[in-house]
């Protein structure tokens, strides 16, 4: 008889594990001020709420030289998150995002804000942005930062932040009036006014990613932890739907329902499930009509499906 060993190892430092989930805290420390950037420094300097994702290489939220999506444009011009959250949830529905990241902003710069999030070894990248405000379409961010290299989780990553132009507004000053850029240009780092001072490009702060803990799953047969999620039935749901979950090995399982803005509206199950098929009920009679994302997260695997509520 073959015995299956499940070891949950909680580590506050970098961990070596083929399949694992890590928790990080990112602290956005803003140094942007009239002292560091005196050229036409604006009144009410602040940064919008943090928004991003833990994802794999197939999901690209933004990149230098690329063109801003509608969500990146809206974030960079107004600080709004809604459109970008919808884009991230589309990636989540396609299976290329593990978690949507959303947190507070910095009400007055200089200042700081922190956000904790989970990230999976199958989704080892993080992208995160925040609007420089006020500005025409300027923002700071990190694009596809790798926190897991296939063997180890990085204990700490500190990213120096410079301002980017989203390429969607032609204003040249912090408080320039709206001037829509047609056609839009590529996303570029701003290497001149007003961020170039005393002969050097001056950063506006840092993102400091610190590893809090790792949950490592050790097993000589990782396939034993596979999960299979059947389509919900009925779908559309008219008050209640059922879903079947096939579990390959004893493991902790979380089943959640999210709306298209990334907000969790149901915790359907949270706890250990054994080998076999499990029928779960999803009550929807108090939910607004629309599309939802059903996500199942196990020891090493995540699965998603779409549920329509009518």
Protein backbone atom coordinates (compact mmCIF):
# COMPACT_ATOMS: atom_id res chain seq x y z
CA UNK A 1 0.00 0.00 0.00
CA UNK A 2 1.28 3.42 -0.96
CA UNK A 3 1.00 6.15 1.67
CA UNK A 4 0.39 9.77 0.70
CA UNK A 5 2.16 12.41 2.71
CA UNK A 6 0.83 15.96 2.83
CA UNK A 7 3.15 18.42 4.52
CA UNK A 8 2.06 22.00 5.03
CA UNK A 9 5.23 23.96 5.78
CA UNK A 10 4.83 27.55 6.94
CA UNK A 11 8.05 29.46 6.34
CA UNK A 12 8.86 33.16 6.88
CA UNK A 13 11.78 32.95 4.42
CA UNK A 14 12.36 31.80 0.86
CA UNK A 15 11.16 28.23 0.43
CA UNK A 16 12.08 25.51 -2.03
CA UNK A 17 8.93 23.71 -3.10
CA UNK A 18 7.68 22.61 -6.48
CA UNK A 19 4.09 23.45 -5.60
CA UNK A 20 3.39 26.20 -3.09
CA UNK A 21 1.43 29.31 -2.31
CA UNK A 22 3.12 32.34 -0.79
CA UNK A 23 1.86 35.42 1.01
CA UNK A 24 3.61 38.72 0.38
CA UNK A 25 3.15 42.22 1.73
CA UNK A 26 3.97 45.04 -0.67
CA UNK A 27 4.58 48.50 0.76
CA UNK A 28 4.35 51.46 -1.57
CA UNK A 29 6.61 54.16 -0.12
CA UNK A 30 6.20 57.47 -1.94
CA UNK A 31 9.00 60.05 -1.80
CA UNK A 32 7.45 62.35 -4.43
CA UNK A 33 7.40 65.88 -3.00
CA UNK A 34 8.11 69.51 -3.74
CA UNK A 35 11.63 68.95 -2.44
CA UNK A 36 12.42 66.03 -4.76
CA UNK A 37 10.49 67.34 -7.81
CA UNK A 38 10.24 71.12 -7.49
CA UNK A 39 9.33 71.87 -11.14
CA UNK A 40 5.68 73.03 -11.08
CA UNK A 41 4.90 70.62 -8.22
CA UNK A 42 1.10 70.32 -7.97
CA UNK A 43 -1.27 70.96 -5.12
CA UNK A 44 -2.81 67.90 -3.44
CA UNK A 45 -0.15 65.36 -4.52
CA UNK A 46 -1.42 61.79 -4.10
CA UNK A 47 -1.55 58.32 -5.63
CA UNK A 48 -4.67 56.34 -6.54
CA UNK A 49 -5.55 52.96 -5.09
CA UNK A 50 -3.28 50.02 -5.92
CA UNK A 51 -4.62 47.61 -8.56
CA UNK A 52 -3.00 44.58 -10.18
CA UNK A 53 -2.81 40.81 -10.31
CA UNK A 54 -0.81 37.69 -9.49
CA UNK A 55 -0.60 35.94 -12.85
CA UNK A 56 1.29 33.74 -15.28
CA UNK A 57 3.22 34.76 -18.39
CA UNK A 58 0.15 34.72 -20.64
CA UNK A 59 -1.48 37.66 -18.84
CA UNK A 60 0.01 41.07 -19.66
CA UNK A 61 -1.66 43.98 -17.87
CA UNK A 62 0.77 46.56 -19.25
CA UNK A 63 4.33 46.81 -20.52
CA UNK A 64 6.69 49.60 -21.61
CA UNK A 65 6.46 50.02 -25.36
CA UNK A 66 2.99 48.46 -25.45
CA UNK A 67 -0.29 50.30 -25.72
CA UNK A 68 -2.53 51.01 -22.76
CA UNK A 69 -5.68 48.93 -22.44
CA UNK A 70 -8.92 50.81 -21.63
CA UNK A 71 -8.41 49.79 -18.00
CA UNK A 72 -4.84 51.11 -17.84
CA UNK A 73 -5.96 54.31 -19.59
CA UNK A 74 -8.77 54.91 -17.09
CA UNK A 75 -6.48 54.16 -14.15
CA UNK A 76 -3.73 56.47 -15.44
CA UNK A 77 -6.08 59.36 -16.29
CA UNK A 78 -8.60 59.20 -13.43
CA UNK A 79 -7.33 56.71 -10.85
CA UNK A 80 -10.42 54.52 -11.37
CA UNK A 81 -10.14 50.74 -10.99
CA UNK A 82 -13.39 49.36 -12.39
CA UNK A 83 -12.43 48.82 -16.04
CA UNK A 84 -9.03 47.38 -15.15
CA UNK A 85 -10.64 45.05 -12.59
CA UNK A 86 -12.91 43.78 -15.36
CA UNK A 87 -9.90 43.11 -17.61
CA UNK A 88 -8.13 41.25 -14.82
CA UNK A 89 -11.23 39.15 -14.18
CA UNK A 90 -11.34 38.26 -17.87
CA UNK A 91 -7.80 36.89 -17.44
CA UNK A 92 -8.97 35.10 -14.30
CA UNK A 93 -11.80 33.48 -16.24
CA UNK A 94 -9.27 32.36 -18.87
CA UNK A 95 -7.13 30.74 -16.18
CA UNK A 96 -4.11 33.07 -16.46
CA UNK A 97 -4.65 35.05 -13.24
CA UNK A 98 -4.46 33.56 -9.74
CA UNK A 99 -5.67 36.60 -7.77
CA UNK A 100 -6.78 40.18 -8.29
CA UNK A 101 -4.86 42.66 -6.13
CA UNK A 102 -6.65 45.78 -4.93
CA UNK A 103 -5.70 48.13 -2.13
CA UNK A 104 -5.66 51.68 -0.92
CA UNK A 105 -3.78 54.65 -2.27
CA UNK A 106 -1.65 57.38 -0.72
CA UNK A 107 -3.82 60.33 0.27
CA UNK A 108 -0.93 62.77 0.51
CA UNK A 109 2.57 62.29 -0.88
CA UNK A 110 5.07 61.62 0.64
CA UNK A 111 3.39 58.69 2.36
CA UNK A 112 3.00 54.94 2.31
CA UNK A 113 0.42 52.18 1.97
CA UNK A 114 0.65 48.39 2.25
CA UNK A 115 -1.21 45.48 0.69
CA UNK A 116 -0.99 41.73 1.47
CA UNK A 117 -1.75 39.15 -1.20
CA UNK A 118 -1.41 35.46 -2.07
CA UNK A 119 0.50 34.21 -5.09
CA UNK A 120 0.92 30.66 -6.42
CA UNK A 121 3.97 28.91 -7.86
CA UNK A 122 1.98 28.25 -11.05
CA UNK A 123 1.27 32.02 -11.23
CA UNK A 124 4.63 33.47 -10.16
CA UNK A 125 4.36 37.00 -11.58
CA UNK A 126 2.89 40.17 -10.11
CA UNK A 127 1.86 43.39 -11.87
CA UNK A 128 0.74 46.43 -9.87
CA UNK A 129 0.00 50.07 -10.74
CA UNK A 130 -1.12 53.38 -9.24
CA UNK A 131 -1.87 56.77 -10.82
CA UNK A 132 0.35 59.78 -10.18
CA UNK A 133 -2.23 62.38 -9.23
CA UNK A 134 -2.85 64.96 -10.41
CA UNK A 135 -1.46 64.25 -13.85
CA UNK A 136 -2.63 63.88 -17.47
CA UNK A 137 -2.04 60.08 -17.71
CA UNK A 138 0.99 59.30 -15.58
CA UNK A 139 1.39 56.30 -13.33
CA UNK A 140 3.87 54.13 -11.48
CA UNK A 141 3.99 50.38 -11.57
CA UNK A 142 5.71 47.06 -11.85
CA UNK A 143 5.17 44.73 -14.78
CA UNK A 144 5.41 40.92 -14.49
CA UNK A 145 7.80 40.91 -11.54
CA UNK A 146 8.86 37.29 -10.93
CA UNK A 147 8.62 36.30 -7.26
CA UNK A 148 9.11 32.53 -7.79
CA UNK A 149 11.92 31.29 -10.03
CA UNK A 150 10.78 27.67 -10.29
CA UNK A 151 12.68 26.64 -7.17
CA UNK A 152 12.64 29.44 -4.58
CA UNK A 153 10.41 32.27 -3.50
CA UNK A 154 12.23 35.60 -3.35
CA UNK A 155 12.47 36.79 0.28
CA UNK A 156 12.38 40.44 -0.78
CA UNK A 157 12.20 42.56 -3.91
CA UNK A 158 12.50 46.35 -3.78
CA UNK A 159 11.55 48.13 -6.99
CA UNK A 160 12.52 51.76 -7.57
CA UNK A 161 9.59 53.55 -9.18
CA UNK A 162 9.77 56.05 -12.02
CA UNK A 163 6.77 57.70 -13.66
CA UNK A 164 5.31 56.28 -16.88
CA UNK A 165 3.20 58.06 -19.51
CA UNK A 166 0.25 55.91 -20.64
CA UNK A 167 0.29 57.54 -24.09
CA UNK A 168 -3.40 58.45 -23.98
CA UNK A 169 -3.28 62.16 -23.02
CA UNK A 170 -1.01 64.83 -24.50
CA UNK A 171 -0.76 67.04 -21.40
CA UNK A 172 2.77 67.97 -20.36
CA UNK A 173 2.17 69.37 -16.86
CA UNK A 174 0.67 67.83 -13.72
CA UNK A 175 -2.43 70.01 -14.04
CA UNK A 176 -2.73 70.22 -17.83
CA UNK A 177 -6.33 70.16 -19.13
CA UNK A 178 -7.55 66.97 -20.81
CA UNK A 179 -6.03 66.52 -24.27
CA UNK A 180 -6.94 63.12 -25.67
CA UNK A 181 -4.10 61.64 -27.74
CA UNK A 182 -5.30 60.29 -31.11
CA UNK A 183 -3.99 57.87 -32.04
CA UNK A 184 -2.67 56.79 -28.68
CA UNK A 185 1.06 56.39 -28.27
CA UNK A 186 2.97 53.61 -26.50
CA UNK A 187 3.58 53.48 -22.76
CA UNK A 188 6.96 55.11 -22.03
CA UNK A 189 8.98 56.05 -18.98
CA UNK A 190 9.05 59.83 -18.54
CA UNK A 191 12.75 60.71 -18.68
CA UNK A 192 12.39 64.48 -18.82
CA UNK A 193 10.32 67.28 -17.29
CA UNK A 194 8.99 67.27 -14.58
CA UNK A 195 10.85 64.20 -13.25
CA UNK A 196 14.34 65.20 -14.41
CA UNK A 197 16.00 67.52 -11.92
CA UNK A 198 19.58 68.65 -11.26
CA UNK A 199 20.89 66.57 -14.14
CA UNK A 200 19.27 63.28 -13.10
CA UNK A 201 16.03 61.37 -13.43
CA UNK A 202 14.50 61.33 -9.95
CA UNK A 203 12.41 58.39 -8.76
CA UNK A 204 9.10 58.88 -6.95
CA UNK A 205 9.32 56.00 -4.47
CA UNK A 206 9.52 52.22 -4.14
CA UNK A 207 7.45 49.06 -4.13
CA UNK A 208 8.90 46.79 -1.42
CA UNK A 209 7.70 43.17 -1.69
CA UNK A 210 8.41 41.12 1.46
CA UNK A 211 7.71 37.37 1.80
CA UNK A 212 5.51 36.66 4.82
CA UNK A 213 5.08 32.89 4.61
CA UNK A 214 4.94 29.91 2.27
CA UNK A 215 2.58 26.95 2.32
CA UNK A 216 4.57 24.17 0.66
CA UNK A 217 2.99 20.93 -0.55
CA UNK A 218 5.39 18.01 -0.61
CA UNK A 219 4.37 14.76 -2.31
CA UNK A 220 6.10 12.23 -4.49
CA UNK A 221 3.07 12.23 -6.80
CA UNK A 222 1.88 15.83 -7.39
CA UNK A 223 -0.86 14.59 -9.76
CA UNK A 224 -2.64 13.20 -6.70
CA UNK A 225 -3.59 16.78 -5.83
CA UNK A 226 -5.41 17.44 -9.08
CA UNK A 227 -8.85 19.03 -9.06
CA UNK A 228 -11.55 18.76 -11.70
CA UNK A 229 -14.40 21.23 -11.74
CA UNK A 230 -17.55 20.41 -13.69
CA UNK A 231 -19.64 23.19 -15.26
CA UNK A 232 -22.31 24.48 -12.85
CA UNK A 233 -25.82 23.13 -13.52
CA UNK A 234 -28.19 24.69 -14.27
CA UNK A 235 -26.35 27.54 -15.92
CA UNK A 236 -27.88 30.14 -16.05
CA UNK A 237 -28.86 29.80 -12.40
CA UNK A 238 -32.36 30.77 -11.30
CA UNK A 239 -31.81 30.57 -7.54
CA UNK A 240 -29.56 27.57 -7.03
CA UNK A 241 -26.99 25.62 -9.03
CA UNK A 242 -24.93 22.54 -8.33
CA UNK A 243 -21.30 21.89 -9.16
CA UNK A 244 -19.30 18.68 -8.96
CA UNK A 245 -15.72 18.75 -7.76
CA UNK A 246 -13.47 15.72 -8.29
CA UNK A 247 -10.57 15.66 -5.83
CA UNK A 248 -7.48 13.55 -6.57
CA UNK A 249 -6.01 13.58 -3.04
CA UNK A 250 -6.73 14.76 0.49
CA UNK A 251 -6.10 18.51 0.52
CA UNK A 252 -7.45 21.90 1.66
CA UNK A 253 -9.97 23.28 -0.84
CA UNK A 254 -11.56 26.71 -1.14
CA UNK A 255 -14.55 27.30 -3.43
CA UNK A 256 -15.49 30.95 -4.01
CA UNK A 257 -17.82 32.95 -6.24
CA UNK A 258 -16.72 36.38 -7.51
CA UNK A 259 -18.54 39.08 -9.40
CA UNK A 260 -16.93 40.62 -12.49
CA UNK A 261 -15.34 43.38 -10.40
CA UNK A 262 -13.36 40.78 -8.48
CA UNK A 263 -15.44 41.04 -5.30
CA UNK A 264 -16.13 37.76 -3.52
CA UNK A 265 -19.87 37.30 -3.09
CA UNK A 266 -19.91 33.71 -1.80
CA UNK A 267 -17.59 31.47 0.19
CA UNK A 268 -19.08 28.16 -0.87
CA UNK A 269 -16.60 25.86 0.83
CA UNK A 270 -13.41 26.22 2.86
CA UNK A 271 -11.80 23.15 4.37
CA UNK A 272 -10.18 19.79 3.69
CA UNK A 273 -11.79 17.47 1.12
CA UNK A 274 -10.92 13.81 0.61
CA UNK A 275 -10.48 11.77 -2.55
CA UNK A 276 -13.58 11.45 -4.72
CA UNK A 277 -16.50 13.45 -6.10
CA UNK A 278 -18.17 16.18 -4.07
CA UNK A 279 -21.45 17.91 -4.91
CA UNK A 280 -21.63 21.54 -3.82
CA UNK A 281 -24.66 23.82 -3.86
CA UNK A 282 -24.45 27.47 -4.92
CA UNK A 283 -27.32 29.67 -3.73
CA UNK A 284 -27.89 32.60 -6.09
CA UNK A 285 -31.41 33.82 -5.32
CA UNK A 286 -30.16 37.03 -3.65
CA UNK A 287 -27.53 37.88 -6.27
CA UNK A 288 -28.02 40.48 -9.02
CA UNK A 289 -28.37 39.11 -12.53
CA UNK A 290 -25.12 38.90 -14.44
CA UNK A 291 -21.90 36.93 -14.95
CA UNK A 292 -19.86 35.52 -12.08
CA UNK A 293 -16.60 33.60 -11.79
CA UNK A 294 -16.50 30.37 -9.78
CA UNK A 295 -12.99 29.62 -8.55
CA UNK A 296 -11.75 26.46 -6.84
CA UNK A 297 -8.33 26.58 -5.18
CA UNK A 298 -6.63 23.43 -3.92
CA UNK A 299 -3.19 22.54 -2.60
CA UNK A 300 -1.47 23.17 -5.92
CA UNK A 301 -4.20 23.75 -8.49
CA UNK A 302 -6.80 26.40 -9.23
CA UNK A 303 -9.77 25.96 -11.54
CA UNK A 304 -12.29 28.53 -12.74
CA UNK A 305 -15.69 28.40 -14.44
CA UNK A 306 -18.31 30.92 -15.43
CA UNK A 307 -21.78 31.11 -13.85
CA UNK A 308 -24.62 33.26 -15.16
CA UNK A 309 -27.30 34.37 -12.71
CA UNK A 310 -30.78 35.30 -13.91
